[in-house]
Amino acid sequence: MVIDIHAHPVIYDAICQDKERVTFRKQSFGLYKSNPTPMEHIFRVLDHAGVDKTVLLAEDYSSEMGQPIVTNQEIKQLVDLAPERFIGFASVDPRNPDAAAQLRQAFEELGLSGLKLNLSHLRMKPDDDRLKPLYALCQSTGKPVMFHAGMSWEPNSPAKYSRPILFEDVAVEYPELRFCLAHLGWPWVEETAMMVLKYRHVYTDTATVFMGSPKDYYRQIFLDNMDPGWLQNSLFQKVMYGSNYPRFRQERVKAGLEALPIRDDVKKAVLGENAQVFLGWKEDRYD
């Protein structure tokens, strides 16, 4: 099973009926030239890429924006359209006093499968006290957290809040909390590697192509920035395929990973097996 662990449905046309919301969403997310994409095309793209399931991420900065970029209810609407293809992650704004209650509702009433947070946009460090009720709820319910890590394309999102090393206190204080430091934490790739190597429940994803083609970029990251043996021998259980769609196309990202000169079992783990553990569908393979 191939799982894209990181996609943003900001221009899926099933949730783009309100033109004002579409304009707001594109400006807030930084997709200025994109237009709503028919769902039929979305499914064709997934089929062409050979992607079985995709995690769709909500995005909520409502305390400053007045409304989420993508609401939890919109994610639920998309999941209901194709529950065999879509997995929904909630988002809440931790600056809102009822954030924990909203997140519990998203899990219990909407059936969403995890939490998405971009602390760069929120301008909050990972050890902020306002985040702790969310961490505790996710840990107690077994729901994973998708953190943005490293550089963010979103406007007004300083990278310093999402440096991978800053999340170490979260891993220590919440040892059973599964969380992903997305985008390989670029440019702090070595910090990301340390975090996923040291902490059993910390993962990363490939939802990033900052330089050149996916093929060239992943070769640079996994064979040059890292020793070729790092992924195959030490990190193979902790890296997940993520596309960051619509910023990057699923098929190009997947092809770039498949072109790496690594063992087939490692490719299989990256493309789907690790995501199943992260999502809580399978037990991890640690001794």
C-alpha atoms as a PDB file:
ATOM      1  CA  MET A   1       0.000   0.000   0.000  1.00  0.00           C
ATOM      2  CA  VAL A   2       1.311   3.445  -0.993  1.00  0.00           C
ATOM      3  CA  ILE A   3       0.310   6.305   1.323  1.00  0.00           C
ATOM      4  CA  ASP A   4       0.961   9.989   0.684  1.00  0.00           C
ATOM      5  CA  ILE A   5       1.196  11.224   4.272  1.00  0.00           C
ATOM      6  CA  HIS A   6       1.165  14.941   3.439  1.00  0.00           C
ATOM      7  CA  ALA A   7      -1.291  16.683   1.093  1.00  0.00           C
ATOM      8  CA  HIS A   8      -3.179  19.977   1.300  1.00  0.00           C
ATOM      9  CA  PRO A   9      -6.697  19.990  -0.229  1.00  0.00           C
ATOM     10  CA  VAL A  10      -6.854  23.776  -0.472  1.00  0.00           C
ATOM     11  CA  ILE A  11      -8.012  23.704  -4.121  1.00  0.00           C
ATOM     12  CA  TYR A  12     -10.077  20.484  -4.182  1.00  0.00           C
ATOM     13  CA  ASP A  13     -13.228  21.707  -5.878  1.00  0.00           C
ATOM     14  CA  ALA A  14     -15.572  19.795  -3.554  1.00  0.00           C
ATOM     15  CA  ILE A  15     -14.772  22.409  -0.892  1.00  0.00           C
ATOM     16  CA  CYS A  16     -14.355  25.354  -3.278  1.00  0.00           C
ATOM     17  CA  GLN A  17     -17.954  26.392  -3.897  1.00  0.00           C
ATOM     18  CA  ASP A  18     -17.570  29.723  -2.089  1.00  0.00           C
ATOM     19  CA  LYS A  19     -15.464  32.023  -4.298  1.00  0.00           C
ATOM     20  CA  GLU A  20     -14.567  34.354  -1.437  1.00  0.00           C
ATOM     21  CA  ARG A  21     -13.268  31.452   0.630  1.00  0.00           C
ATOM     22  CA  VAL A  22     -11.244  30.186  -2.321  1.00  0.00           C
ATOM     23  CA  THR A  23      -9.622  33.612  -2.727  1.00  0.00           C
ATOM     24  CA  PHE A  24      -8.909  33.794   1.001  1.00  0.00           C
ATOM     25  CA  ARG A  25      -7.510  30.249   0.996  1.00  0.00           C
ATOM     26  CA  LYS A  26      -5.177  30.833  -1.960  1.00  0.00           C
ATOM     27  CA  GLN A  27      -3.809  34.083  -0.546  1.00  0.00           C
ATOM     28  CA  SER A  28      -3.363  32.682   2.957  1.00  0.00           C
ATOM     29  CA  PHE A  29      -1.689  29.485   1.820  1.00  0.00           C
ATOM     30  CA  GLY A  30       0.450  31.106  -0.882  1.00  0.00           C
ATOM     31  CA  LEU A  31      -1.092  29.402  -3.956  1.00  0.00           C
ATOM     32  CA  TYR A  32      -1.795  32.589  -5.857  1.00  0.00           C
ATOM     33  CA  LYS A  33      -2.028  31.210  -9.414  1.00  0.00           C
ATOM     34  CA  SER A  34      -3.811  27.916  -8.696  1.00  0.00           C
ATOM     35  CA  ASN A  35      -7.481  27.271  -9.361  1.00  0.00           C
ATOM     36  CA  PRO A  36      -9.943  24.708  -7.976  1.00  0.00           C
ATOM     37  CA  THR A  37      -9.250  21.218  -9.279  1.00  0.00           C
ATOM     38  CA  PRO A  38     -12.112  18.825 -10.124  1.00  0.00           C
ATOM     39  CA  MET A  39     -12.243  15.778  -7.887  1.00  0.00           C
ATOM     40  CA  GLU A  40     -12.197  13.525 -10.955  1.00  0.00           C
ATOM     41  CA  HIS A  41      -8.767  14.939 -11.787  1.00  0.00           C
ATOM     42  CA  ILE A  42      -7.588  14.503  -8.191  1.00  0.00           C
ATOM     43  CA  PHE A  43      -8.417  10.794  -8.337  1.00  0.00           C
ATOM     44  CA  ARG A  44      -6.821  10.377 -11.780  1.00  0.00           C
ATOM     45  CA  VAL A  45      -3.620  11.958 -10.504  1.00  0.00           C
ATOM     46  CA  LEU A  46      -3.566   9.578  -7.531  1.00  0.00           C
ATOM     47  CA  ASP A  47      -4.191   6.602  -9.783  1.00  0.00           C
ATOM     48  CA  HIS A  48      -1.491   7.690 -12.222  1.00  0.00           C
ATOM     49  CA  ALA A  49       0.978   8.043  -9.339  1.00  0.00           C
ATOM     50  CA  GLY A  50       0.014   4.672  -7.892  1.00  0.00           C
ATOM     51  CA  VAL A  51      -1.038   6.239  -4.572  1.00  0.00           C
ATOM     52  CA  ASP A  52      -3.628   4.248  -2.643  1.00  0.00           C
ATOM     53  CA  LYS A  53      -4.385   6.660   0.204  1.00  0.00           C
ATOM     54  CA  THR A  54      -3.667  10.297   0.995  1.00  0.00           C
ATOM     55  CA  VAL A  55      -3.641  12.207   4.268  1.00  0.00           C
ATOM     56  CA  LEU A  56      -5.496  15.520   3.878  1.00  0.00           C
ATOM     57  CA  LEU A  57      -4.457  18.274   6.280  1.00  0.00           C
ATOM     58  CA  ALA A  58      -6.664  20.962   7.761  1.00  0.00           C
ATOM     59  CA  GLU A  59      -5.115  24.377   8.495  1.00  0.00           C
ATOM     60  CA  ASP A  60      -6.359  26.687  11.264  1.00  0.00           C
ATOM     61  CA  TYR A  61      -5.038  30.132  12.220  1.00  0.00           C
ATOM     62  CA  SER A  62      -8.500  31.492  12.946  1.00  0.00           C
ATOM     63  CA  SER A  63      -7.542  33.650  15.935  1.00  0.00           C
ATOM     64  CA  GLU A  64      -5.730  36.001  13.547  1.00  0.00           C
ATOM     65  CA  MET A  65      -7.491  35.264  10.241  1.00  0.00           C
ATOM     66  CA  GLY A  66     -11.067  34.961  11.470  1.00  0.00           C
ATOM     67  CA  GLN A  67     -11.503  31.570   9.808  1.00  0.00           C
ATOM     68  CA  PRO A  68      -9.434  28.440   9.120  1.00  0.00           C
ATOM     69  CA  ILE A  69      -7.784  28.036   5.718  1.00  0.00           C
ATOM     70  CA  VAL A  70      -9.252  24.521   5.569  1.00  0.00           C
ATOM     71  CA  THR A  71     -11.715  23.573   8.305  1.00  0.00           C
ATOM     72  CA  ASN A  72     -12.066  20.251  10.067  1.00  0.00           C
ATOM     73  CA  GLN A  73     -15.581  20.010   8.681  1.00  0.00           C
ATOM     74  CA  GLU A  74     -14.253  20.452   5.132  1.00  0.00           C
ATOM     75  CA  ILE A  75     -11.737  17.665   5.728  1.00  0.00           C
ATOM     76  CA  LYS A  76     -14.584  15.465   6.994  1.00  0.00           C
ATOM     77  CA  GLN A  77     -16.573  16.314   3.844  1.00  0.00           C
ATOM     78  CA  LEU A  78     -13.703  15.175   1.626  1.00  0.00           C
ATOM     79  CA  VAL A  79     -13.085  11.988   3.605  1.00  0.00           C
ATOM     80  CA  ASP A  80     -16.775  11.114   3.294  1.00  0.00           C
ATOM     81  CA  LEU A  81     -16.492  11.468  -0.491  1.00  0.00           C
ATOM     82  CA  ALA A  82     -13.821   8.757  -0.684  1.00  0.00           C
ATOM     83  CA  PRO A  83     -13.106   7.085   2.675  1.00  0.00           C
ATOM     84  CA  GLU A  84     -11.126   4.394   0.881  1.00  0.00           C
ATOM     85  CA  ARG A  85      -8.713   7.043  -0.476  1.00  0.00           C
ATOM     86  CA  PHE A  86      -8.657   9.917   2.023  1.00  0.00           C
ATOM     87  CA  ILE A  87      -7.461  10.116   5.643  1.00  0.00           C
ATOM     88  CA  GLY A  88      -8.314  13.334   7.466  1.00  0.00           C
ATOM     89  CA  PHE A  89      -6.149  15.285   9.915  1.00  0.00           C
ATOM     90  CA  ALA A  90      -7.664  18.057  12.013  1.00  0.00           C
ATOM     91  CA  SER A  91      -6.181  21.434  12.834  1.00  0.00           C
ATOM     92  CA  VAL A  92      -6.971  23.850  15.654  1.00  0.00           C
ATOM     93  CA  ASP A  93      -5.527  27.220  16.582  1.00  0.00           C
ATOM     94  CA  PRO A  94      -3.868  26.765  20.004  1.00  0.00           C
ATOM     95  CA  ARG A  95      -4.325  30.475  20.678  1.00  0.00           C
ATOM     96  CA  ASN A  96      -8.082  29.921  20.928  1.00  0.00           C
ATOM     97  CA  PRO A  97      -9.164  29.043  24.488  1.00  0.00           C
ATOM     98  CA  ASP A  98     -11.394  26.182  23.308  1.00  0.00           C
ATOM     99  CA  ALA A  99      -8.742  24.579  21.060  1.00  0.00           C
ATOM    100  CA  ALA A 100      -8.579  21.312  23.031  1.00  0.00           C
ATOM    101  CA  ALA A 101     -12.377  20.982  22.987  1.00  0.00           C
ATOM    102  CA  GLN A 102     -12.383  21.598  19.223  1.00  0.00           C
ATOM    103  CA  LEU A 103      -9.749  18.929  18.740  1.00  0.00           C
ATOM    104  CA  ARG A 104     -11.649  16.405  20.850  1.00  0.00           C
ATOM    105  CA  GLN A 105     -14.747  17.107  18.753  1.00  0.00           C
ATOM    106  CA  ALA A 106     -12.736  16.574  15.567  1.00  0.00           C
ATOM    107  CA  PHE A 107     -11.593  13.181  16.831  1.00  0.00           C
ATOM    108  CA  GLU A 108     -14.805  11.978  18.448  1.00  0.00           C
ATOM    109  CA  GLU A 109     -17.525  13.488  16.242  1.00  0.00           C
ATOM    110  CA  LEU A 110     -15.805  13.978  12.889  1.00  0.00           C
ATOM    111  CA  GLY A 111     -13.656  10.860  13.088  1.00  0.00           C
ATOM    112  CA  LEU A 112     -10.449  12.595  12.040  1.00  0.00           C
ATOM    113  CA  SER A 113      -7.224  10.686  12.436  1.00  0.00           C
ATOM    114  CA  GLY A 114      -4.577  13.151  13.628  1.00  0.00           C
ATOM    115  CA  LEU A 115      -3.573  16.769  14.224  1.00  0.00           C
ATOM    116  CA  LYS A 116      -1.732  19.190  11.921  1.00  0.00           C
ATOM    117  CA  LEU A 117       0.216  22.150  13.372  1.00  0.00           C
ATOM    118  CA  ASN A 118       2.433  24.719  11.677  1.00  0.00           C
ATOM    119  CA  LEU A 119       4.190  26.460  14.549  1.00  0.00           C
ATOM    120  CA  SER A 120       6.017  28.780  12.143  1.00  0.00           C
ATOM    121  CA  HIS A 121       2.740  30.347  11.118  1.00  0.00           C
ATOM    122  CA  LEU A 122       1.468  30.281  14.691  1.00  0.00           C
ATOM    123  CA  ARG A 123       4.785  31.807  15.855  1.00  0.00           C
ATOM    124  CA  MET A 124       4.842  29.436  18.796  1.00  0.00           C
ATOM    125  CA  LYS A 125       7.724  27.314  20.044  1.00  0.00           C
ATOM    126  CA  PRO A 126       6.956  23.620  20.529  1.00  0.00           C
ATOM    127  CA  ASP A 127       7.166  23.885  24.339  1.00  0.00           C
ATOM    128  CA  ASP A 128       4.514  26.631  24.531  1.00  0.00           C
ATOM    129  CA  ASP A 129       2.086  25.858  27.367  1.00  0.00           C
ATOM    130  CA  ARG A 130      -0.901  26.423  25.064  1.00  0.00           C
ATOM    131  CA  LEU A 131       0.135  23.374  23.053  1.00  0.00           C
ATOM    132  CA  LYS A 132       0.384  20.969  25.973  1.00  0.00           C
ATOM    133  CA  PRO A 133      -3.351  20.120  26.230  1.00  0.00           C
ATOM    134  CA  LEU A 134      -3.281  19.199  22.538  1.00  0.00           C
ATOM    135  CA  TYR A 135      -0.235  16.978  22.965  1.00  0.00           C
ATOM    136  CA  ALA A 136      -1.796  15.282  25.981  1.00  0.00           C
ATOM    137  CA  LEU A 137      -5.050  14.626  24.122  1.00  0.00           C
ATOM    138  CA  CYS A 138      -3.248  13.186  21.095  1.00  0.00           C
ATOM    139  CA  GLN A 139      -1.064  10.971  23.274  1.00  0.00           C
ATOM    140  CA  SER A 140      -4.011   9.674  25.325  1.00  0.00           C
ATOM    141  CA  THR A 141      -6.118   8.934  22.236  1.00  0.00           C
ATOM    142  CA  GLY A 142      -3.274   7.514  20.149  1.00  0.00           C
ATOM    143  CA  LYS A 143      -3.605  10.177  17.455  1.00  0.00           C
ATOM    144  CA  PRO A 144      -0.426  11.319  15.669  1.00  0.00           C
ATOM    145  CA  VAL A 145       0.679  14.901  15.108  1.00  0.00           C
ATOM    146  CA  MET A 146       1.971  16.285  11.824  1.00  0.00           C
ATOM    147  CA  PHE A 147       4.261  19.232  12.577  1.00  0.00           C
ATOM    148  CA  HIS A 148       5.542  21.507   9.903  1.00  0.00           C
ATOM    149  CA  ALA A 149       9.337  21.546  10.303  1.00  0.00           C
ATOM    150  CA  GLY A 150      11.996  23.709   8.678  1.00  0.00           C
ATOM    151  CA  MET A 151      11.253  26.238   5.965  1.00  0.00           C
ATOM    152  CA  SER A 152       7.624  27.108   5.237  1.00  0.00           C
ATOM    153  CA  TRP A 153       6.307  28.453   1.946  1.00  0.00           C
ATOM    154  CA  GLU A 154       3.315  29.962   3.737  1.00  0.00           C
ATOM    155  CA  PRO A 155       3.386  33.762   4.130  1.00  0.00           C
ATOM    156  CA  ASN A 156       4.408  35.182   7.514  1.00  0.00           C
ATOM    157  CA  SER A 157       5.852  31.887   8.771  1.00  0.00           C
ATOM    158  CA  PRO A 158       9.400  32.276  10.184  1.00  0.00           C
ATOM    159  CA  ALA A 159      11.343  29.026  10.075  1.00  0.00           C
ATOM    160  CA  LYS A 160      12.985  29.586  13.471  1.00  0.00           C
ATOM    161  CA  TYR A 161       9.867  28.318  15.273  1.00  0.00           C
ATOM    162  CA  SER A 162      10.013  24.967  13.476  1.00  0.00           C
ATOM    163  CA  ARG A 163      13.658  24.024  13.805  1.00  0.00           C
ATOM    164  CA  PRO A 164      13.752  20.257  14.466  1.00  0.00           C
ATOM    165  CA  ILE A 165      15.864  20.414  17.637  1.00  0.00           C
ATOM    166  CA  LEU A 166      13.185  22.543  19.315  1.00  0.00           C
ATOM    167  CA  PHE A 167      10.835  19.541  19.292  1.00  0.00           C
ATOM    168  CA  GLU A 168      13.111  17.449  21.492  1.00  0.00           C
ATOM    169  CA  ASP A 169      11.380  18.542  24.694  1.00  0.00           C
ATOM    170  CA  VAL A 170       8.067  17.336  23.234  1.00  0.00           C
ATOM    171  CA  ALA A 171       9.570  13.912  22.530  1.00  0.00           C
ATOM    172  CA  VAL A 172      10.886  13.724  26.094  1.00  0.00           C
ATOM    173  CA  GLU A 173       7.752  14.974  27.863  1.00  0.00           C
ATOM    174  CA  TYR A 174       5.320  12.947  25.725  1.00  0.00           C
ATOM    175  CA  PRO A 175       7.241   9.725  25.029  1.00  0.00           C
ATOM    176  CA  GLU A 176       4.256   7.857  23.543  1.00  0.00           C
ATOM    177  CA  LEU A 177       3.183  10.689  21.248  1.00  0.00           C
ATOM    178  CA  ARG A 178       3.791   9.821  17.599  1.00  0.00           C
ATOM    179  CA  PHE A 179       4.751  12.907  15.637  1.00  0.00           C
ATOM    180  CA  CYS A 180       6.224  13.750  12.262  1.00  0.00           C
ATOM    181  CA  LEU A 181       8.734  16.517  11.592  1.00  0.00           C
ATOM    182  CA  ALA A 182       7.608  17.160   8.047  1.00  0.00           C
ATOM    183  CA  HIS A 183       9.646  18.249   5.029  1.00  0.00           C
ATOM    184  CA  LEU A 184      12.788  16.520   6.372  1.00  0.00           C
ATOM    185  CA  GLY A 185      13.118  19.639   8.547  1.00  0.00           C
ATOM    186  CA  TRP A 186      15.045  21.275   5.685  1.00  0.00           C
ATOM    187  CA  PRO A 187      17.531  22.941   5.885  1.00  0.00           C
ATOM    188  CA  TRP A 188      18.218  21.263   9.257  1.00  0.00           C
ATOM    189  CA  VAL A 189      18.313  17.764   7.809  1.00  0.00           C
ATOM    190  CA  GLU A 190      20.931  16.430  10.236  1.00  0.00           C
ATOM    191  CA  GLU A 191      18.886  17.617  13.216  1.00  0.00           C
ATOM    192  CA  THR A 192      15.885  15.793  11.792  1.00  0.00           C
ATOM    193  CA  ALA A 193      17.967  12.643  11.349  1.00  0.00           C
ATOM    194  CA  MET A 194      19.070  12.845  14.980  1.00  0.00           C
ATOM    195  CA  MET A 195      15.498  13.259  16.211  1.00  0.00           C
ATOM    196  CA  VAL A 196      14.069  10.319  14.274  1.00  0.00           C
ATOM    197  CA  LEU A 197      17.051   8.137  15.184  1.00  0.00           C
ATOM    198  CA  LYS A 198      16.966   8.902  18.908  1.00  0.00           C
ATOM    199  CA  TYR A 199      13.219   8.954  19.609  1.00  0.00           C
ATOM    200  CA  ARG A 200      11.102   5.912  18.910  1.00  0.00           C
ATOM    201  CA  HIS A 201       7.908   7.759  17.954  1.00  0.00           C
ATOM    202  CA  VAL A 202       9.397  10.626  15.923  1.00  0.00           C
ATOM    203  CA  TYR A 203       9.104  10.437  12.121  1.00  0.00           C
ATOM    204  CA  THR A 204       9.799  12.639   9.127  1.00  0.00           C
ATOM    205  CA  ASP A 205       8.393  12.902   5.616  1.00  0.00           C
ATOM    206  CA  THR A 206       9.637  13.736   2.133  1.00  0.00           C
ATOM    207  CA  ALA A 207       7.111  16.510   1.426  1.00  0.00           C
ATOM    208  CA  THR A 208       9.754  18.902   0.183  1.00  0.00           C
ATOM    209  CA  VAL A 209      11.653  19.630  -3.021  1.00  0.00           C
ATOM    210  CA  PHE A 210      13.574  22.865  -2.600  1.00  0.00           C
ATOM    211  CA  MET A 211      16.229  22.520  -5.285  1.00  0.00           C
ATOM    212  CA  GLY A 212      15.911  20.975  -8.749  1.00  0.00           C
ATOM    213  CA  SER A 213      13.880  17.891  -9.568  1.00  0.00           C
ATOM    214  CA  PRO A 214      12.679  15.387  -6.955  1.00  0.00           C
ATOM    215  CA  LYS A 215      15.137  12.834  -8.351  1.00  0.00           C
ATOM    216  CA  ASP A 216      18.098  15.184  -7.937  1.00  0.00           C
ATOM    217  CA  TYR A 217      16.889  16.580  -4.620  1.00  0.00           C
ATOM    218  CA  TYR A 218      16.410  13.222  -2.883  1.00  0.00           C
ATOM    219  CA  ARG A 219      19.735  11.989  -4.205  1.00  0.00           C
ATOM    220  CA  GLN A 220      21.352  15.095  -2.683  1.00  0.00           C
ATOM    221  CA  ILE A 221      19.594  14.652   0.678  1.00  0.00           C
ATOM    222  CA  PHE A 222      19.884  10.887   1.147  1.00  0.00           C
ATOM    223  CA  LEU A 223      23.192  10.166  -0.606  1.00  0.00           C
ATOM    224  CA  ASP A 224      25.203  13.372  -0.189  1.00  0.00           C
ATOM    225  CA  ASN A 225      23.911  15.264   2.850  1.00  0.00           C
ATOM    226  CA  MET A 226      23.485  11.919   4.581  1.00  0.00           C
ATOM    227  CA  ASP A 227      25.782   8.951   4.235  1.00  0.00           C
ATOM    228  CA  PRO A 228      24.144   6.413   1.851  1.00  0.00           C
ATOM    229  CA  GLY A 229      23.837   3.963   4.721  1.00  0.00           C
ATOM    230  CA  TRP A 230      21.808   6.261   6.974  1.00  0.00           C
ATOM    231  CA  LEU A 231      18.462   5.654   5.276  1.00  0.00           C
ATOM    232  CA  GLN A 232      18.990   1.942   4.639  1.00  0.00           C
ATOM    233  CA  ASN A 233      20.460   0.990   7.993  1.00  0.00           C
ATOM    234  CA  SER A 234      19.233   3.498  10.570  1.00  0.00           C
ATOM    235  CA  LEU A 235      16.295   5.612   9.366  1.00  0.00           C
ATOM    236  CA  PHE A 236      14.399   3.171   7.142  1.00  0.00           C
ATOM    237  CA  GLN A 237      11.523   2.806   9.631  1.00  0.00           C
ATOM    238  CA  LYS A 238      11.072   6.535  10.211  1.00  0.00           C
ATOM    239  CA  VAL A 239      10.910   8.241   6.784  1.00  0.00           C
ATOM    240  CA  MET A 240       7.508   8.516   5.070  1.00  0.00           C
ATOM    241  CA  TYR A 241       6.529   9.428   1.528  1.00  0.00           C
ATOM    242  CA  GLY A 242       4.803  12.801   1.443  1.00  0.00           C
ATOM    243  CA  SER A 243       4.187  14.948  -1.615  1.00  0.00           C
ATOM    244  CA  ASN A 244       3.097  18.337  -0.207  1.00  0.00           C
ATOM    245  CA  TYR A 245       0.486  18.396  -3.003  1.00  0.00           C
ATOM    246  CA  PRO A 246      -0.435  20.756  -4.649  1.00  0.00           C
ATOM    247  CA  ARG A 247       2.996  22.371  -4.328  1.00  0.00           C
ATOM    248  CA  PHE A 248       4.540  19.205  -5.790  1.00  0.00           C
ATOM    249  CA  ARG A 249       2.928  16.439  -7.829  1.00  0.00           C
ATOM    250  CA  GLN A 250       2.590  13.017  -6.240  1.00  0.00           C
ATOM    251  CA  GLU A 251       3.963  11.094  -9.200  1.00  0.00           C
ATOM    252  CA  ARG A 252       7.164  13.185  -9.455  1.00  0.00           C
ATOM    253  CA  VAL A 253       7.922  12.926  -5.741  1.00  0.00           C
ATOM    254  CA  LYS A 254       7.269   9.181  -5.748  1.00  0.00           C
ATOM    255  CA  ALA A 255       9.413   8.682  -8.859  1.00  0.00           C
ATOM    256  CA  GLY A 256      12.249  10.596  -7.225  1.00  0.00           C
ATOM    257  CA  LEU A 257      12.174   8.289  -4.210  1.00  0.00           C
ATOM    258  CA  GLU A 258      11.909   5.168  -6.366  1.00  0.00           C
ATOM    259  CA  ALA A 259      15.020   6.278  -8.302  1.00  0.00           C
ATOM    260  CA  LEU A 260      17.192   6.136  -5.180  1.00  0.00           C
ATOM    261  CA  PRO A 261      19.701   3.243  -5.299  1.00  0.00           C
ATOM    262  CA  ILE A 262      18.403   1.664  -2.092  1.00  0.00           C
ATOM    263  CA  ARG A 263      16.958  -1.740  -1.226  1.00  0.00           C
ATOM    264  CA  ASP A 264      13.423  -2.546  -2.323  1.00  0.00           C
ATOM    265  CA  ASP A 265      12.318  -3.277   1.241  1.00  0.00           C
ATOM    266  CA  VAL A 266      13.412   0.230   2.273  1.00  0.00           C
ATOM    267  CA  LYS A 267      11.464   1.783  -0.606  1.00  0.00           C
ATOM    268  CA  LYS A 268       8.400  -0.229   0.428  1.00  0.00           C
ATOM    269  CA  ALA A 269       8.734   0.995   4.000  1.00  0.00           C
ATOM    270  CA  VAL A 270       9.096   4.638   2.951  1.00  0.00           C
ATOM    271  CA  LEU A 271       6.211   4.497   0.480  1.00  0.00           C
ATOM    272  CA  GLY A 272       3.643   3.089   2.874  1.00  0.00           C
ATOM    273  CA  GLU A 273       4.630   0.726   5.656  1.00  0.00           C
ATOM    274  CA  ASN A 274       6.036   3.434   7.912  1.00  0.00           C
ATOM    275  CA  ALA A 275       2.913   5.545   7.451  1.00  0.00           C
ATOM    276  CA  GLN A 276       0.752   2.654   8.615  1.00  0.00           C
ATOM    277  CA  VAL A 277       2.729   2.524  11.866  1.00  0.00           C
ATOM    278  CA  PHE A 278       2.619   6.322  12.245  1.00  0.00           C
ATOM    279  CA  LEU A 279      -1.165   6.297  11.766  1.00  0.00           C
ATOM    280  CA  GLY A 280      -1.541   3.597  14.399  1.00  0.00           C
ATOM    281  CA  TRP A 281      -2.748   0.914  12.007  1.00  0.00           C
ATOM    282  CA  LYS A 282       0.177  -1.403  12.708  1.00  0.00           C
ATOM    283  CA  GLU A 283       2.513  -2.018  15.621  1.00  0.00           C
ATOM    284  CA  ASP A 284       5.998  -0.627  15.180  1.00  0.00           C
ATOM    285  CA  ARG A 285       8.844  -3.030  14.539  1.00  0.00           C
ATOM    286  CA  TYR A 286      11.164  -1.978  17.331  1.00  0.00           C
ATOM    287  CA  ASP A 287      12.371  -4.638  19.763  1.00  0.00           C
END
